[in-house]
Structures are given as C-alpha cells and as structure tokens.
Amino acid sequence: MCIATVYVEAGNQRKEVMRDVVQVEAKRDGFLLFSLLGEQKYLKGKLKSIDFLTDHSVVIEEIKRRKSAGKKVKNNG
C-alpha cells in the first residue's frame, strides 16, 4: 500500500497539509485528497511533483490569484 503526505508549495515555502493520503482526485482547478481514516480536503493548485519511492510525498503548487482586469466604477452619488 502506498500512503503519502501532501504538501502545498508557495514560493520557497512548503507546508504539510495532510498525512496518510491514500487517494488523490484531480478536479477542475485543484485536487480532492482522501486520507486513510476517511478525512477529505480540497486544495486549489497544480501538481508539482510525486515521490512514492523515498519520501512518499505529493507536492501541489499554490496558484497565484490574478488581479481583476476590470475597471473600478466611481460612485458620484
């Protein structure tokens, strides 16, 4: 059985978000994680790496939010 630890990486920072992960499902803009004990967690991001040989890790890179391109409307009321 392969059980992994999932990390989120933002810049040079890596943060553990879930241990004992047994299933990862790709969703529209992220991943749904399932732990051995049935816990579920959704993470937005893109897959950066998977290592099942040495440290049994999955790294998901955080997606930076884009600033809105819309113009602000001034209220003269």
PDB file of N, CA and C in Angstrom:
ATOM      1  N   MET A   1       0.850  -1.169   0.000  1.00  0.00           N
ATOM      2  CA  MET A   1       0.000   0.000   0.000  1.00  0.00           C
ATOM      3  C   MET A   1       0.899   1.236   0.000  1.00  0.00           C
ATOM      4  N   CYS A   2       0.507   2.243  -0.761  1.00  0.00           N
ATOM      5  CA  CYS A   2       1.273   3.479  -0.827  1.00  0.00           C
ATOM      6  C   CYS A   2       0.469   4.588  -0.154  1.00  0.00           C
ATOM      7  N   ILE A   3       1.002   5.113   0.931  1.00  0.00           N
ATOM      8  CA  ILE A   3       0.376   6.210   1.660  1.00  0.00           C
ATOM      9  C   ILE A   3       1.316   7.398   1.569  1.00  0.00           C
ATOM     10  N   ALA A   4       0.760   8.565   1.255  1.00  0.00           N
ATOM     11  CA  ALA A   4       1.590   9.745   1.010  1.00  0.00           C
ATOM     12  C   ALA A   4       1.264  10.881   1.971  1.00  0.00           C
ATOM     13  N   THR A   5       2.185  11.824   2.028  1.00  0.00           N
ATOM     14  CA  THR A   5       1.972  13.100   2.702  1.00  0.00           C
ATOM     15  C   THR A   5       1.883  14.157   1.618  1.00  0.00           C
ATOM     16  N   VAL A   6       0.879  15.035   1.724  1.00  0.00           N
ATOM     17  CA  VAL A   6       0.675  16.066   0.712  1.00  0.00           C
ATOM     18  C   VAL A   6       1.121  17.410   1.276  1.00  0.00           C
ATOM     19  N   TYR A   7       1.863  18.136   0.441  1.00  0.00           N
ATOM     20  CA  TYR A   7       2.368  19.458   0.795  1.00  0.00           C
ATOM     21  C   TYR A   7       1.863  20.478  -0.211  1.00  0.00           C
ATOM     22  N   VAL A   8       1.695  21.721   0.246  1.00  0.00           N
ATOM     23  CA  VAL A   8       1.423  22.845  -0.649  1.00  0.00           C
ATOM     24  C   VAL A   8       2.672  23.698  -0.660  1.00  0.00           C
ATOM     25  N   GLU A   9       3.092  24.083  -1.860  1.00  0.00           N
ATOM     26  CA  GLU A   9       4.280  24.913  -2.007  1.00  0.00           C
ATOM     27  C   GLU A   9       3.884  26.255  -2.594  1.00  0.00           C
ATOM     28  N   ALA A  10       4.349  27.319  -1.930  1.00  0.00           N
ATOM     29  CA  ALA A  10       4.124  28.681  -2.406  1.00  0.00           C
ATOM     30  C   ALA A  10       5.457  29.404  -2.314  1.00  0.00           C
ATOM     31  N   GLY A  11       6.016  29.746  -3.462  1.00  0.00           N
ATOM     32  CA  GLY A  11       7.350  30.351  -3.467  1.00  0.00           C
ATOM     33  C   GLY A  11       8.367  29.338  -2.967  1.00  0.00           C
ATOM     34  N   ASN A  12       9.134  29.703  -1.954  1.00  0.00           N
ATOM     35  CA  ASN A  12      10.127  28.798  -1.366  1.00  0.00           C
ATOM     36  C   ASN A  12       9.615  28.103  -0.114  1.00  0.00           C
ATOM     37  N   GLN A  13       8.342  28.270   0.202  1.00  0.00           N
ATOM     38  CA  GLN A  13       7.746  27.694   1.408  1.00  0.00           C
ATOM     39  C   GLN A  13       6.979  26.425   1.063  1.00  0.00           C
ATOM     40  N   ARG A  14       7.192  25.379   1.852  1.00  0.00           N
ATOM     41  CA  ARG A  14       6.461  24.128   1.682  1.00  0.00           C
ATOM     42  C   ARG A  14       5.770  23.815   3.007  1.00  0.00           C
ATOM     43  N   LYS A  15       4.451  23.596   2.953  1.00  0.00           N
ATOM     44  CA  LYS A  15       3.663  23.359   4.157  1.00  0.00           C
ATOM     45  C   LYS A  15       2.919  22.027   4.038  1.00  0.00           C
ATOM     46  N   GLU A  16       3.036  21.200   5.062  1.00  0.00           N
ATOM     47  CA  GLU A  16       2.307  19.928   5.083  1.00  0.00           C
ATOM     48  C   GLU A  16       0.833  20.216   5.314  1.00  0.00           C
ATOM     49  N   VAL A  17      -0.025  19.608   4.466  1.00  0.00           N
ATOM     50  CA  VAL A  17      -1.463  19.837   4.617  1.00  0.00           C
ATOM     51  C   VAL A  17      -2.237  18.579   4.976  1.00  0.00           C
ATOM     52  N   MET A  18      -1.692  17.392   4.674  1.00  0.00           N
ATOM     53  CA  MET A  18      -2.391  16.160   5.040  1.00  0.00           C
ATOM     54  C   MET A  18      -1.435  14.975   5.009  1.00  0.00           C
ATOM     55  N   ARG A  19      -1.549  14.133   6.037  1.00  0.00           N
ATOM     56  CA  ARG A  19      -0.778  12.884   6.100  1.00  0.00           C
ATOM     57  C   ARG A  19      -1.685  11.696   5.803  1.00  0.00           C
ATOM     58  N   ASP A  20      -1.081  10.571   5.546  1.00  0.00           N
ATOM     59  CA  ASP A  20      -1.803   9.307   5.326  1.00  0.00           C
ATOM     60  C   ASP A  20      -2.813   9.400   4.185  1.00  0.00           C
ATOM     61  N   VAL A  21      -2.410  10.067   3.107  1.00  0.00           N
ATOM     62  CA  VAL A  21      -3.278  10.216   1.936  1.00  0.00           C
ATOM     63  C   VAL A  21      -3.212   8.941   1.098  1.00  0.00           C
ATOM     64  N   VAL A  22      -4.387   8.397   0.800  1.00  0.00           N
ATOM     65  CA  VAL A  22      -4.463   7.157   0.033  1.00  0.00           C
ATOM     66  C   VAL A  22      -5.082   7.346  -1.349  1.00  0.00           C
ATOM     67  N   GLN A  23      -5.700   8.524  -1.577  1.00  0.00           N
ATOM     68  CA  GLN A  23      -6.318   8.783  -2.876  1.00  0.00           C
ATOM     69  C   GLN A  23      -6.282  10.273  -3.167  1.00  0.00           C
ATOM     70  N   VAL A  24      -5.991  10.613  -4.429  1.00  0.00           N
ATOM     71  CA  VAL A  24      -5.995  11.996  -4.903  1.00  0.00           C
ATOM     72  C   VAL A  24      -6.801  12.036  -6.188  1.00  0.00           C
ATOM     73  N   GLU A  25      -7.816  12.897  -6.225  1.00  0.00           N
ATOM     74  CA  GLU A  25      -8.628  13.054  -7.437  1.00  0.00           C
ATOM     75  C   GLU A  25      -8.436  14.452  -8.000  1.00  0.00           C
ATOM     76  N   ALA A  26      -8.123  14.529  -9.279  1.00  0.00           N
ATOM     77  CA  ALA A  26      -7.987  15.824  -9.948  1.00  0.00           C
ATOM     78  C   ALA A  26      -9.366  16.403 -10.188  1.00  0.00           C
ATOM     79  N   LYS A  27      -9.520  17.656  -9.836  1.00  0.00           N
ATOM     80  CA  LYS A  27     -10.756  18.397 -10.081  1.00  0.00           C
ATOM     81  C   LYS A  27     -10.426  19.569 -10.990  1.00  0.00           C
ATOM     82  N   ARG A  28     -11.392  20.405 -11.265  1.00  0.00           N
ATOM     83  CA  ARG A  28     -11.228  21.486 -12.249  1.00  0.00           C
ATOM     84  C   ARG A  28      -9.985  22.341 -11.999  1.00  0.00           C
ATOM     85  N   ASP A  29      -9.835  22.852 -10.786  1.00  0.00           N
ATOM     86  CA  ASP A  29      -8.709  23.746 -10.513  1.00  0.00           C
ATOM     87  C   ASP A  29      -7.916  23.321  -9.278  1.00  0.00           C
ATOM     88  N   GLY A  30      -7.988  22.028  -8.961  1.00  0.00           N
ATOM     89  CA  GLY A  30      -7.266  21.548  -7.785  1.00  0.00           C
ATOM     90  C   GLY A  30      -7.406  20.052  -7.613  1.00  0.00           C
ATOM     91  N   PHE A  31      -7.305  19.621  -6.356  1.00  0.00           N
ATOM     92  CA  PHE A  31      -7.287  18.199  -6.047  1.00  0.00           C
ATOM     93  C   PHE A  31      -8.086  17.907  -4.785  1.00  0.00           C
ATOM     94  N   LEU A  32      -8.819  16.799  -4.810  1.00  0.00           N
ATOM     95  CA  LEU A  32      -9.546  16.328  -3.645  1.00  0.00           C
ATOM     96  C   LEU A  32      -8.724  15.195  -3.045  1.00  0.00           C
ATOM     97  N   LEU A  33      -8.341  15.353  -1.769  1.00  0.00           N
ATOM     98  CA  LEU A  33      -7.498  14.381  -1.078  1.00  0.00           C
ATOM     99  C   LEU A  33      -8.348  13.543  -0.128  1.00  0.00           C
ATOM    100  N   PHE A  34      -8.012  12.266  -0.018  1.00  0.00           N
ATOM    101  CA  PHE A  34      -8.693  11.354   0.898  1.00  0.00           C
ATOM    102  C   PHE A  34      -7.643  10.679   1.772  1.00  0.00           C
ATOM    103  N   SER A  35      -7.845  10.726   3.090  1.00  0.00           N
ATOM    104  CA  SER A  35      -6.896  10.090   3.999  1.00  0.00           C
ATOM    105  C   SER A  35      -7.330   8.660   4.306  1.00  0.00           C
ATOM    106  N   LEU A  36      -6.437   7.924   4.926  1.00  0.00           N
ATOM    107  CA  LEU A  36      -6.684   6.539   5.320  1.00  0.00           C
ATOM    108  C   LEU A  36      -7.895   6.430   6.249  1.00  0.00           C
ATOM    109  N   LEU A  37      -8.116   7.452   7.077  1.00  0.00           N
ATOM    110  CA  LEU A  37      -9.222   7.437   8.035  1.00  0.00           C
ATOM    111  C   LEU A  37     -10.490   8.105   7.505  1.00  0.00           C
ATOM    112  N   GLY A  38     -10.508   8.451   6.210  1.00  0.00           N
ATOM    113  CA  GLY A  38     -11.711   8.992   5.586  1.00  0.00           C
ATOM    114  C   GLY A  38     -11.816  10.503   5.562  1.00  0.00           C
ATOM    115  N   GLU A  39     -10.830  11.222   6.076  1.00  0.00           N
ATOM    116  CA  GLU A  39     -10.841  12.676   6.020  1.00  0.00           C
ATOM    117  C   GLU A  39     -10.704  13.115   4.569  1.00  0.00           C
ATOM    118  N   GLN A  40     -11.388  14.191   4.205  1.00  0.00           N
ATOM    119  CA  GLN A  40     -11.303  14.739   2.856  1.00  0.00           C
ATOM    120  C   GLN A  40     -10.883  16.197   2.943  1.00  0.00           C
ATOM    121  N   LYS A  41     -10.096  16.635   1.960  1.00  0.00           N
ATOM    122  CA  LYS A  41      -9.665  18.022   1.900  1.00  0.00           C
ATOM    123  C   LYS A  41      -9.494  18.405   0.442  1.00  0.00           C
ATOM    124  N   TYR A  42      -9.954  19.615   0.088  1.00  0.00           N
ATOM    125  CA  TYR A  42      -9.804  20.112  -1.276  1.00  0.00           C
ATOM    126  C   TYR A  42      -8.718  21.177  -1.299  1.00  0.00           C
ATOM    127  N   LEU A  43      -7.812  21.076  -2.259  1.00  0.00           N
ATOM    128  CA  LEU A  43      -6.741  22.053  -2.419  1.00  0.00           C
ATOM    129  C   LEU A  43      -6.751  22.604  -3.832  1.00  0.00           C
ATOM    130  N   LYS A  44      -6.735  23.927  -3.947  1.00  0.00           N
ATOM    131  CA  LYS A  44      -6.570  24.549  -5.259  1.00  0.00           C
ATOM    132  C   LYS A  44      -5.091  24.582  -5.571  1.00  0.00           C
ATOM    133  N   GLY A  45      -4.738  24.294  -6.792  1.00  0.00           N
ATOM    134  CA  GLY A  45      -3.343  24.338  -7.190  1.00  0.00           C
ATOM    135  C   GLY A  45      -3.080  23.413  -8.355  1.00  0.00           C
ATOM    136  N   LYS A  46      -1.789  23.314  -8.700  1.00  0.00           N
ATOM    137  CA  LYS A  46      -1.398  22.414  -9.781  1.00  0.00           C
ATOM    138  C   LYS A  46      -0.331  21.464  -9.258  1.00  0.00           C
ATOM    139  N   LEU A  47      -0.308  20.280  -9.805  1.00  0.00           N
ATOM    140  CA  LEU A  47       0.623  19.243  -9.374  1.00  0.00           C
ATOM    141  C   LEU A  47       2.051  19.640  -9.725  1.00  0.00           C
ATOM    142  N   LYS A  48       2.928  19.595  -8.728  1.00  0.00           N
ATOM    143  CA  LYS A  48       4.332  19.912  -8.967  1.00  0.00           C
ATOM    144  C   LYS A  48       5.169  18.644  -8.997  1.00  0.00           C
ATOM    145  N   SER A  49       4.978  17.737  -8.020  1.00  0.00           N
ATOM    146  CA  SER A  49       5.767  16.503  -8.023  1.00  0.00           C
ATOM    147  C   SER A  49       5.098  15.424  -7.191  1.00  0.00           C
ATOM    148  N   ILE A  50       5.477  14.170  -7.509  1.00  0.00           N
ATOM    149  CA  ILE A  50       5.059  12.990  -6.755  1.00  0.00           C
ATOM    150  C   ILE A  50       6.296  12.140  -6.550  1.00  0.00           C
ATOM    151  N   ASP A  51       6.521  11.713  -5.307  1.00  0.00           N
ATOM    152  CA  ASP A  51       7.659  10.845  -4.998  1.00  0.00           C
ATOM    153  C   ASP A  51       7.162   9.700  -4.120  1.00  0.00           C
ATOM    154  N   PHE A  52       6.937   8.554  -4.714  1.00  0.00           N
ATOM    155  CA  PHE A  52       6.482   7.389  -3.956  1.00  0.00           C
ATOM    156  C   PHE A  52       7.637   6.495  -3.535  1.00  0.00           C
ATOM    157  N   LEU A  53       8.848   6.787  -3.993  1.00  0.00           N
ATOM    158  CA  LEU A  53       9.987   5.933  -3.691  1.00  0.00           C
ATOM    159  C   LEU A  53      10.681   6.286  -2.373  1.00  0.00           C
ATOM    160  N   THR A  54      11.041   7.547  -2.185  1.00  0.00           N
ATOM    161  CA  THR A  54      11.828   7.898  -0.999  1.00  0.00           C
ATOM    162  C   THR A  54      11.011   8.501   0.140  1.00  0.00           C
ATOM    163  N   ASP A  55      10.278   9.582  -0.126  1.00  0.00           N
ATOM    164  CA  ASP A  55       9.554  10.207   0.988  1.00  0.00           C
ATOM    165  C   ASP A  55       8.036  10.153   0.859  1.00  0.00           C
ATOM    166  N   HIS A  56       7.531   9.430  -0.114  1.00  0.00           N
ATOM    167  CA  HIS A  56       6.083   9.235  -0.282  1.00  0.00           C
ATOM    168  C   HIS A  56       5.334  10.565  -0.187  1.00  0.00           C
ATOM    169  N   SER A  57       5.714  11.496  -1.064  1.00  0.00           N
ATOM    170  CA  SER A  57       5.131  12.834  -0.994  1.00  0.00           C
ATOM    171  C   SER A  57       4.470  13.235  -2.303  1.00  0.00           C
ATOM    172  N   VAL A  58       3.487  14.113  -2.160  1.00  0.00           N
ATOM    173  CA  VAL A  58       2.838  14.770  -3.284  1.00  0.00           C
ATOM    174  C   VAL A  58       2.952  16.262  -2.994  1.00  0.00           C
ATOM    175  N   VAL A  59       3.458  17.028  -3.969  1.00  0.00           N
ATOM    176  CA  VAL A  59       3.596  18.471  -3.792  1.00  0.00           C
ATOM    177  C   VAL A  59       2.666  19.160  -4.778  1.00  0.00           C
ATOM    178  N   ILE A  60       1.792  20.016  -4.235  1.00  0.00           N
ATOM    179  CA  ILE A  60       0.865  20.795  -5.042  1.00  0.00           C
ATOM    180  C   ILE A  60       1.287  22.250  -4.942  1.00  0.00           C
ATOM    181  N   GLU A  61       1.484  22.866  -6.087  1.00  0.00           N
ATOM    182  CA  GLU A  61       1.918  24.257  -6.124  1.00  0.00           C
ATOM    183  C   GLU A  61       0.704  25.174  -6.076  1.00  0.00           C
ATOM    184  N   GLU A  62       0.750  26.113  -5.156  1.00  0.00           N
ATOM    185  CA  GLU A  62      -0.341  27.064  -4.997  1.00  0.00           C
ATOM    186  C   GLU A  62      -0.448  27.933  -6.239  1.00  0.00           C
ATOM    187  N   ILE A  63      -1.661  28.163  -6.699  1.00  0.00           N
ATOM    188  CA  ILE A  63      -1.892  29.018  -7.861  1.00  0.00           C
ATOM    189  C   ILE A  63      -2.119  30.434  -7.363  1.00  0.00           C
ATOM    190  N   LYS A  64      -1.322  31.347  -7.894  1.00  0.00           N
ATOM    191  CA  LYS A  64      -1.486  32.744  -7.510  1.00  0.00           C
ATOM    192  C   LYS A  64      -2.729  33.295  -8.166  1.00  0.00           C
ATOM    193  N   ARG A  65      -3.502  34.048  -7.386  1.00  0.00           N
ATOM    194  CA  ARG A  65      -4.719  34.661  -7.924  1.00  0.00           C
ATOM    195  C   ARG A  65      -4.358  35.858  -8.784  1.00  0.00           C
ATOM    196  N   ARG A  66      -5.041  35.971  -9.895  1.00  0.00           N
ATOM    197  CA  ARG A  66      -4.828  37.111 -10.778  1.00  0.00           C
ATOM    198  C   ARG A  66      -5.667  38.280 -10.291  1.00  0.00           C
ATOM    199  N   LYS A  67      -5.117  39.461 -10.423  1.00  0.00           N
ATOM    200  CA  LYS A  67      -5.887  40.648 -10.079  1.00  0.00           C
ATOM    201  C   LYS A  67      -6.914  40.893 -11.168  1.00  0.00           C
ATOM    202  N   SER A  68      -8.060  41.380 -10.760  1.00  0.00           N
ATOM    203  CA  SER A  68      -9.144  41.646 -11.699  1.00  0.00           C
ATOM    204  C   SER A  68      -8.726  42.715 -12.695  1.00  0.00           C
ATOM    205  N   ALA A  69      -9.017  42.456 -13.965  1.00  0.00           N
ATOM    206  CA  ALA A  69      -8.667  43.399 -15.029  1.00  0.00           C
ATOM    207  C   ALA A  69      -9.745  44.456 -15.215  1.00  0.00           C
ATOM    208  N   GLY A  70     -10.861  44.302 -14.522  1.00  0.00           N
ATOM    209  CA  GLY A  70     -11.969  45.245 -14.670  1.00  0.00           C
ATOM    210  C   GLY A  70     -11.644  46.607 -14.065  1.00  0.00           C
ATOM    211  N   LYS A  71     -12.262  47.643 -14.616  1.00  0.00           N
ATOM    212  CA  LYS A  71     -12.052  48.992 -14.120  1.00  0.00           C
ATOM    213  C   LYS A  71     -13.000  49.256 -12.968  1.00  0.00           C
ATOM    214  N   LYS A  72     -12.526  50.034 -12.011  1.00  0.00           N
ATOM    215  CA  LYS A  72     -13.381  50.427 -10.897  1.00  0.00           C
ATOM    216  C   LYS A  72     -14.314  51.541 -11.381  1.00  0.00           C
ATOM    217  N   VAL A  73     -15.554  51.467 -10.926  1.00  0.00           N
ATOM    218  CA  VAL A  73     -16.537  52.468 -11.290  1.00  0.00           C
ATOM    219  C   VAL A  73     -16.664  53.425 -10.111  1.00  0.00           C
ATOM    220  N   LYS A  74     -16.503  54.700 -10.384  1.00  0.00           N
ATOM    221  CA  LYS A  74     -16.588  55.706  -9.342  1.00  0.00           C
ATOM    222  C   LYS A  74     -18.054  56.056  -9.117  1.00  0.00           C
ATOM    223  N   ASN A  75     -18.460  56.031  -7.850  1.00  0.00           N
ATOM    224  CA  ASN A  75     -19.837  56.337  -7.496  1.00  0.00           C
ATOM    225  C   ASN A  75     -19.929  57.828  -7.148  1.00  0.00           C
ATOM    226  N   ASN A  76     -20.645  58.575  -7.946  1.00  0.00           N
ATOM    227  CA  ASN A  76     -20.803  60.019  -7.712  1.00  0.00           C
ATOM    228  C   ASN A  76     -22.108  60.329  -7.014  1.00  0.00           C
ATOM    229  N   GLY A  77     -22.581  59.431  -6.212  1.00  0.00           N
ATOM    230  CA  GLY A  77     -23.905  59.568  -5.615  1.00  0.00           C
ATOM    231  C   GLY A  77     -23.857  60.203  -4.331  1.00  0.00           C
TER     232      GLY A  77
END
